Amino acid sequence: MATVELTKENFEEAMTNNDMVVVDFWASWCGPCKTFAPVFENTSEKYPNILFAKVNTEEQMELAGHFDIRSIPTLMVVREKVILYSKPGAVPAQSLESLLDRMLAVDMVQVRDEIASAQAEQSDT
């Protein structure tokens, strides 16, 4: 599956209609972004059940700001509308595949239980 361009207009739909979304925040002037682009694209071909999406931070400043993107490239993995990973820096192909395999193996029931528990503790204080 080819990567898609995410905008503030299609972001919610992408997150709602896909169990897992891998987002590359990038800019045209960024050297590491250009180096990472083919790795991201090639990896997307190996994971047809995952949506790979790119956010051009120059054109989508509001979206980048919402996620507090301060360095690019930044890679974000969202599963079932929960951000499981978000870190700046280009990732080598093997590391990206390893990361995706780990994210696919995450027990989302446990994650949601932990989120609910943390929110309950926070509301008690």
N, C-alpha and C. Protein backbone atom coordinates (compact mmCIF):
# COMPACT_ATOMS: atom_id res chain seq x y z
N MET A 1 0.86 -1.18 0.00
CA MET A 1 0.00 0.00 0.00
C MET A 1 0.90 1.24 0.00
N ALA A 2 0.60 2.17 -0.85
CA ALA A 2 1.37 3.41 -0.89
C ALA A 2 1.03 4.26 0.33
N THR A 3 1.94 5.16 0.66
CA THR A 3 1.67 6.06 1.77
C THR A 3 0.64 7.10 1.35
N VAL A 4 -0.06 7.63 2.34
CA VAL A 4 -1.05 8.67 2.08
C VAL A 4 -0.60 9.95 2.78
N GLU A 5 -1.02 11.06 2.25
CA GLU A 5 -0.72 12.37 2.84
C GLU A 5 -1.83 12.69 3.84
N LEU A 6 -1.44 12.93 5.08
CA LEU A 6 -2.42 13.28 6.11
C LEU A 6 -2.54 14.79 6.23
N THR A 7 -3.77 15.24 6.37
CA THR A 7 -4.05 16.65 6.59
C THR A 7 -5.03 16.74 7.76
N LYS A 8 -5.27 17.95 8.24
CA LYS A 8 -6.24 18.08 9.34
C LYS A 8 -7.63 17.66 8.87
N GLU A 9 -7.88 17.72 7.56
CA GLU A 9 -9.19 17.35 7.03
C GLU A 9 -9.40 15.83 7.01
N ASN A 10 -8.36 15.04 6.76
CA ASN A 10 -8.55 13.59 6.66
C ASN A 10 -7.95 12.81 7.83
N PHE A 11 -7.38 13.50 8.81
CA PHE A 11 -6.70 12.84 9.91
C PHE A 11 -7.64 11.95 10.72
N GLU A 12 -8.76 12.49 11.17
CA GLU A 12 -9.69 11.73 12.00
C GLU A 12 -10.21 10.50 11.26
N GLU A 13 -10.53 10.65 9.99
CA GLU A 13 -11.01 9.51 9.20
C GLU A 13 -9.93 8.42 9.11
N ALA A 14 -8.69 8.82 8.89
CA ALA A 14 -7.59 7.85 8.81
C ALA A 14 -7.44 7.09 10.12
N MET A 15 -7.54 7.79 11.24
CA MET A 15 -7.39 7.15 12.55
C MET A 15 -8.58 6.25 12.87
N THR A 16 -9.75 6.65 12.46
CA THR A 16 -10.96 5.89 12.75
C THR A 16 -11.07 4.63 11.89
N ASN A 17 -10.65 4.72 10.64
CA ASN A 17 -10.85 3.62 9.70
C ASN A 17 -9.69 2.64 9.61
N ASN A 18 -8.66 2.81 10.44
CA ASN A 18 -7.50 1.92 10.40
C ASN A 18 -7.10 1.55 11.82
N ASP A 19 -6.87 0.26 12.05
CA ASP A 19 -6.48 -0.19 13.38
C ASP A 19 -5.11 0.34 13.77
N MET A 20 -4.21 0.44 12.78
CA MET A 20 -2.86 0.93 13.07
C MET A 20 -2.43 1.89 11.98
N VAL A 21 -1.89 3.03 12.42
CA VAL A 21 -1.41 4.06 11.50
C VAL A 21 0.00 4.44 11.92
N VAL A 22 0.90 4.45 10.95
CA VAL A 22 2.28 4.88 11.18
C VAL A 22 2.43 6.22 10.48
N VAL A 23 2.80 7.24 11.24
CA VAL A 23 2.85 8.60 10.69
C VAL A 23 4.29 9.11 10.69
N ASP A 24 4.69 9.65 9.55
CA ASP A 24 6.00 10.28 9.38
C ASP A 24 5.76 11.79 9.27
N PHE A 25 6.19 12.54 10.28
CA PHE A 25 6.14 14.00 10.23
C PHE A 25 7.44 14.46 9.59
N TRP A 26 7.35 15.24 8.50
CA TRP A 26 8.52 15.59 7.70
C TRP A 26 8.40 17.00 7.13
N ALA A 27 9.47 17.46 6.48
CA ALA A 27 9.46 18.74 5.74
C ALA A 27 10.38 18.59 4.54
N SER A 28 10.09 19.35 3.50
CA SER A 28 10.85 19.23 2.25
C SER A 28 12.30 19.66 2.38
N TRP A 29 12.62 20.54 3.31
CA TRP A 29 13.99 21.04 3.48
C TRP A 29 14.85 20.16 4.37
N CYS A 30 14.27 19.12 4.95
CA CYS A 30 14.92 18.28 5.96
C CYS A 30 15.70 17.13 5.31
N GLY A 31 17.02 17.16 5.43
CA GLY A 31 17.86 16.11 4.87
C GLY A 31 17.56 14.73 5.43
N PRO A 32 17.52 14.56 6.76
CA PRO A 32 17.18 13.25 7.31
C PRO A 32 15.79 12.75 6.88
N CYS A 33 14.87 13.68 6.66
CA CYS A 33 13.53 13.30 6.18
C CYS A 33 13.62 12.67 4.79
N LYS A 34 14.45 13.28 3.94
CA LYS A 34 14.63 12.76 2.58
C LYS A 34 15.29 11.39 2.60
N THR A 35 16.21 11.18 3.53
CA THR A 35 16.88 9.90 3.66
C THR A 35 15.91 8.82 4.16
N PHE A 36 15.04 9.20 5.09
CA PHE A 36 14.10 8.26 5.68
C PHE A 36 12.93 7.92 4.75
N ALA A 37 12.58 8.80 3.84
CA ALA A 37 11.40 8.62 2.98
C ALA A 37 11.37 7.27 2.26
N PRO A 38 12.45 6.85 1.58
CA PRO A 38 12.39 5.54 0.90
C PRO A 38 12.27 4.36 1.87
N VAL A 39 12.87 4.48 3.05
CA VAL A 39 12.74 3.43 4.06
C VAL A 39 11.27 3.30 4.46
N PHE A 40 10.64 4.43 4.71
CA PHE A 40 9.22 4.46 5.11
C PHE A 40 8.35 3.87 4.00
N GLU A 41 8.59 4.28 2.77
CA GLU A 41 7.81 3.81 1.61
C GLU A 41 8.00 2.30 1.41
N ASN A 42 9.24 1.83 1.44
CA ASN A 42 9.52 0.41 1.23
C ASN A 42 8.90 -0.44 2.34
N THR A 43 8.96 0.04 3.56
CA THR A 43 8.39 -0.70 4.68
C THR A 43 6.87 -0.77 4.54
N SER A 44 6.26 0.27 4.00
CA SER A 44 4.80 0.26 3.83
C SER A 44 4.35 -0.88 2.92
N GLU A 45 5.20 -1.28 1.99
CA GLU A 45 4.86 -2.37 1.07
C GLU A 45 4.86 -3.72 1.80
N LYS A 46 5.60 -3.82 2.89
CA LYS A 46 5.70 -5.08 3.64
C LYS A 46 4.58 -5.26 4.65
N TYR A 47 3.85 -4.19 4.94
CA TYR A 47 2.79 -4.23 5.95
C TYR A 47 1.49 -3.70 5.34
N PRO A 48 0.83 -4.50 4.50
CA PRO A 48 -0.36 -4.02 3.80
C PRO A 48 -1.56 -3.72 4.71
N ASN A 49 -1.56 -4.26 5.93
CA ASN A 49 -2.69 -4.03 6.84
C ASN A 49 -2.50 -2.81 7.73
N ILE A 50 -1.39 -2.10 7.54
CA ILE A 50 -1.11 -0.89 8.32
C ILE A 50 -1.17 0.30 7.38
N LEU A 51 -1.79 1.39 7.82
CA LEU A 51 -1.79 2.62 7.03
C LEU A 51 -0.51 3.39 7.33
N PHE A 52 0.26 3.69 6.30
CA PHE A 52 1.45 4.52 6.41
C PHE A 52 1.09 5.89 5.86
N ALA A 53 1.31 6.91 6.68
CA ALA A 53 0.87 8.26 6.32
C ALA A 53 1.98 9.26 6.61
N LYS A 54 1.98 10.33 5.83
CA LYS A 54 2.98 11.38 5.99
C LYS A 54 2.28 12.71 6.27
N VAL A 55 2.89 13.49 7.16
CA VAL A 55 2.39 14.83 7.46
C VAL A 55 3.50 15.81 7.11
N ASN A 56 3.23 16.65 6.12
CA ASN A 56 4.16 17.71 5.75
C ASN A 56 3.99 18.83 6.79
N THR A 57 4.98 18.97 7.66
CA THR A 57 4.86 19.91 8.78
C THR A 57 4.81 21.36 8.33
N GLU A 58 5.30 21.65 7.13
CA GLU A 58 5.23 23.02 6.62
C GLU A 58 3.82 23.37 6.18
N GLU A 59 3.11 22.40 5.62
CA GLU A 59 1.76 22.62 5.13
C GLU A 59 0.69 22.35 6.19
N GLN A 60 1.03 21.49 7.15
CA GLN A 60 0.06 21.08 8.18
C GLN A 60 0.56 21.49 9.56
N MET A 61 0.84 22.79 9.71
CA MET A 61 1.38 23.30 10.97
C MET A 61 0.45 23.04 12.16
N GLU A 62 -0.83 23.14 11.93
CA GLU A 62 -1.80 22.92 13.01
C GLU A 62 -1.75 21.48 13.50
N LEU A 63 -1.67 20.54 12.58
CA LEU A 63 -1.59 19.12 12.93
C LEU A 63 -0.27 18.81 13.64
N ALA A 64 0.82 19.33 13.12
CA ALA A 64 2.13 19.13 13.76
C ALA A 64 2.14 19.76 15.15
N GLY A 65 1.53 20.92 15.28
CA GLY A 65 1.46 21.60 16.57
C GLY A 65 0.62 20.83 17.57
N HIS A 66 -0.46 20.23 17.10
CA HIS A 66 -1.33 19.44 17.98
C HIS A 66 -0.56 18.31 18.65
N PHE A 67 0.37 17.72 17.91
CA PHE A 67 1.16 16.61 18.45
C PHE A 67 2.52 17.07 18.99
N ASP A 68 2.70 18.39 19.10
CA ASP A 68 3.90 18.97 19.68
C ASP A 68 5.17 18.48 18.99
N ILE A 69 5.12 18.44 17.66
CA ILE A 69 6.28 18.00 16.88
C ILE A 69 7.30 19.12 16.87
N ARG A 70 8.47 18.86 17.42
CA ARG A 70 9.52 19.87 17.53
C ARG A 70 10.76 19.51 16.71
N SER A 71 10.91 18.24 16.36
CA SER A 71 12.02 17.77 15.55
C SER A 71 11.47 16.88 14.44
N ILE A 72 12.13 16.94 13.30
CA ILE A 72 11.71 16.08 12.20
C ILE A 72 12.93 15.39 11.62
N PRO A 73 12.75 14.19 11.09
CA PRO A 73 11.48 13.47 11.07
C PRO A 73 11.09 12.99 12.46
N THR A 74 9.80 12.90 12.68
CA THR A 74 9.28 12.25 13.88
C THR A 74 8.38 11.13 13.41
N LEU A 75 8.56 9.97 14.01
CA LEU A 75 7.77 8.80 13.68
C LEU A 75 6.78 8.56 14.81
N MET A 76 5.51 8.36 14.46
CA MET A 76 4.47 8.11 15.44
C MET A 76 3.69 6.86 15.02
N VAL A 77 3.44 5.99 15.99
CA VAL A 77 2.63 4.80 15.74
C VAL A 77 1.37 4.90 16.59
N VAL A 78 0.22 4.84 15.92
CA VAL A 78 -1.07 4.94 16.59
C VAL A 78 -1.82 3.63 16.33
N ARG A 79 -2.25 3.01 17.41
CA ARG A 79 -3.02 1.77 17.27
C ARG A 79 -4.33 1.94 18.03
N GLU A 80 -5.42 1.70 17.31
CA GLU A 80 -6.76 1.84 17.89
C GLU A 80 -6.91 3.20 18.58
N LYS A 81 -6.42 4.23 17.91
CA LYS A 81 -6.51 5.62 18.35
C LYS A 81 -5.68 5.94 19.60
N VAL A 82 -4.73 5.07 19.94
CA VAL A 82 -3.85 5.29 21.08
C VAL A 82 -2.42 5.42 20.54
N ILE A 83 -1.74 6.50 20.91
CA ILE A 83 -0.35 6.68 20.49
C ILE A 83 0.52 5.74 21.32
N LEU A 84 1.12 4.77 20.64
CA LEU A 84 1.99 3.81 21.32
C LEU A 84 3.45 4.21 21.24
N TYR A 85 3.79 5.04 20.25
CA TYR A 85 5.19 5.40 20.02
C TYR A 85 5.24 6.75 19.33
N SER A 86 6.14 7.60 19.77
CA SER A 86 6.36 8.89 19.10
C SER A 86 7.75 9.38 19.48
N LYS A 87 8.66 9.34 18.50
CA LYS A 87 10.02 9.79 18.74
C LYS A 87 10.59 10.41 17.48
N PRO A 88 11.43 11.45 17.67
CA PRO A 88 12.09 12.04 16.50
C PRO A 88 13.28 11.19 16.05
N GLY A 89 13.63 11.36 14.79
CA GLY A 89 14.81 10.69 14.24
C GLY A 89 14.44 9.69 13.17
N ALA A 90 15.32 9.60 12.17
CA ALA A 90 15.16 8.59 11.12
C ALA A 90 15.48 7.22 11.71
N VAL A 91 14.75 6.22 11.27
CA VAL A 91 14.91 4.87 11.78
C VAL A 91 15.37 3.96 10.64
N PRO A 92 16.40 3.15 10.84
CA PRO A 92 16.81 2.20 9.81
C PRO A 92 15.70 1.19 9.52
N ALA A 93 15.69 0.63 8.34
CA ALA A 93 14.62 -0.27 7.91
C ALA A 93 14.40 -1.42 8.88
N GLN A 94 15.47 -2.09 9.28
CA GLN A 94 15.33 -3.24 10.18
C GLN A 94 14.74 -2.82 11.52
N SER A 95 15.15 -1.68 12.03
CA SER A 95 14.62 -1.18 13.30
C SER A 95 13.15 -0.81 13.17
N LEU A 96 12.77 -0.23 12.03
CA LEU A 96 11.37 0.13 11.80
C LEU A 96 10.50 -1.12 11.77
N GLU A 97 10.95 -2.15 11.07
CA GLU A 97 10.18 -3.39 11.01
C GLU A 97 10.07 -4.03 12.39
N SER A 98 11.14 -4.02 13.15
CA SER A 98 11.12 -4.56 14.50
C SER A 98 10.13 -3.78 15.38
N LEU A 99 10.17 -2.46 15.26
CA LEU A 99 9.24 -1.61 16.01
C LEU A 99 7.79 -1.95 15.65
N LEU A 100 7.50 -2.07 14.37
CA LEU A 100 6.13 -2.36 13.94
C LEU A 100 5.67 -3.72 14.43
N ASP A 101 6.56 -4.71 14.38
CA ASP A 101 6.21 -6.03 14.88
C ASP A 101 5.88 -5.97 16.37
N ARG A 102 6.66 -5.20 17.14
CA ARG A 102 6.39 -5.04 18.57
C ARG A 102 5.05 -4.32 18.80
N MET A 103 4.77 -3.31 18.00
CA MET A 103 3.52 -2.56 18.16
C MET A 103 2.31 -3.43 17.82
N LEU A 104 2.47 -4.30 16.83
CA LEU A 104 1.38 -5.21 16.47
C LEU A 104 1.12 -6.24 17.58
N ALA A 105 2.13 -6.55 18.36
CA ALA A 105 2.01 -7.55 19.42
C ALA A 105 1.48 -6.98 20.74
N VAL A 106 1.36 -5.66 20.83
CA VAL A 106 0.88 -5.03 22.07
C VAL A 106 -0.55 -5.47 22.37
N ASP A 107 -0.79 -5.80 23.62
CA ASP A 107 -2.12 -6.18 24.09
C ASP A 107 -2.90 -4.89 24.35
N MET A 108 -3.78 -4.55 23.43
CA MET A 108 -4.50 -3.27 23.52
C MET A 108 -5.54 -3.27 24.64
N VAL A 109 -6.03 -4.43 25.04
CA VAL A 109 -6.95 -4.49 26.18
C VAL A 109 -6.19 -4.04 27.43
N GLN A 110 -4.98 -4.54 27.60
CA GLN A 110 -4.17 -4.16 28.74
C GLN A 110 -3.84 -2.66 28.70
N VAL A 111 -3.51 -2.15 27.50
CA VAL A 111 -3.21 -0.72 27.36
C VAL A 111 -4.41 0.12 27.78
N ARG A 112 -5.59 -0.25 27.31
CA ARG A 112 -6.79 0.52 27.65
C ARG A 112 -7.10 0.43 29.14
N ASP A 113 -6.86 -0.75 29.74
CA ASP A 113 -7.05 -0.90 31.18
C ASP A 113 -6.10 0.02 31.95
N GLU A 114 -4.83 0.09 31.50
CA GLU A 114 -3.84 0.95 32.16
C GLU A 114 -4.22 2.42 32.02
N ILE A 115 -4.71 2.80 30.86
CA ILE A 115 -5.14 4.19 30.64
C ILE A 115 -6.31 4.52 31.58
N ALA A 116 -7.28 3.61 31.63
CA ALA A 116 -8.46 3.84 32.50
C ALA A 116 -8.05 3.93 33.96
N SER A 117 -7.12 3.09 34.38
CA SER A 117 -6.64 3.11 35.76
C SER A 117 -5.93 4.42 36.07
N ALA A 118 -5.08 4.87 35.16
CA ALA A 118 -4.36 6.14 35.36
C ALA A 118 -5.33 7.31 35.40
N GLN A 119 -6.36 7.28 34.55
CA GLN A 119 -7.34 8.36 34.55
C GLN A 119 -8.16 8.35 35.84
N ALA A 120 -8.47 7.16 36.35
CA ALA A 120 -9.22 7.07 37.61
C ALA A 120 -8.39 7.60 38.77
N GLU A 121 -7.10 7.26 38.80
CA GLU A 121 -6.21 7.77 39.85
C GLU A 121 -6.11 9.28 39.78
N GLN A 122 -6.04 9.80 38.56
CA GLN A 122 -5.90 11.24 38.38
C GLN A 122 -7.16 11.97 38.84
N SER A 123 -8.32 11.39 38.60
CA SER A 123 -9.56 12.05 39.01
C SER A 123 -9.79 11.98 40.52
N ASP A 124 -9.12 11.00 41.17
CA ASP A 124 -9.22 10.89 42.62
C ASP A 124 -8.41 11.96 43.36
N THR A 125 -7.46 12.55 42.69
CA THR A 125 -6.60 13.54 43.35
C THR A 125 -7.11 14.94 43.19
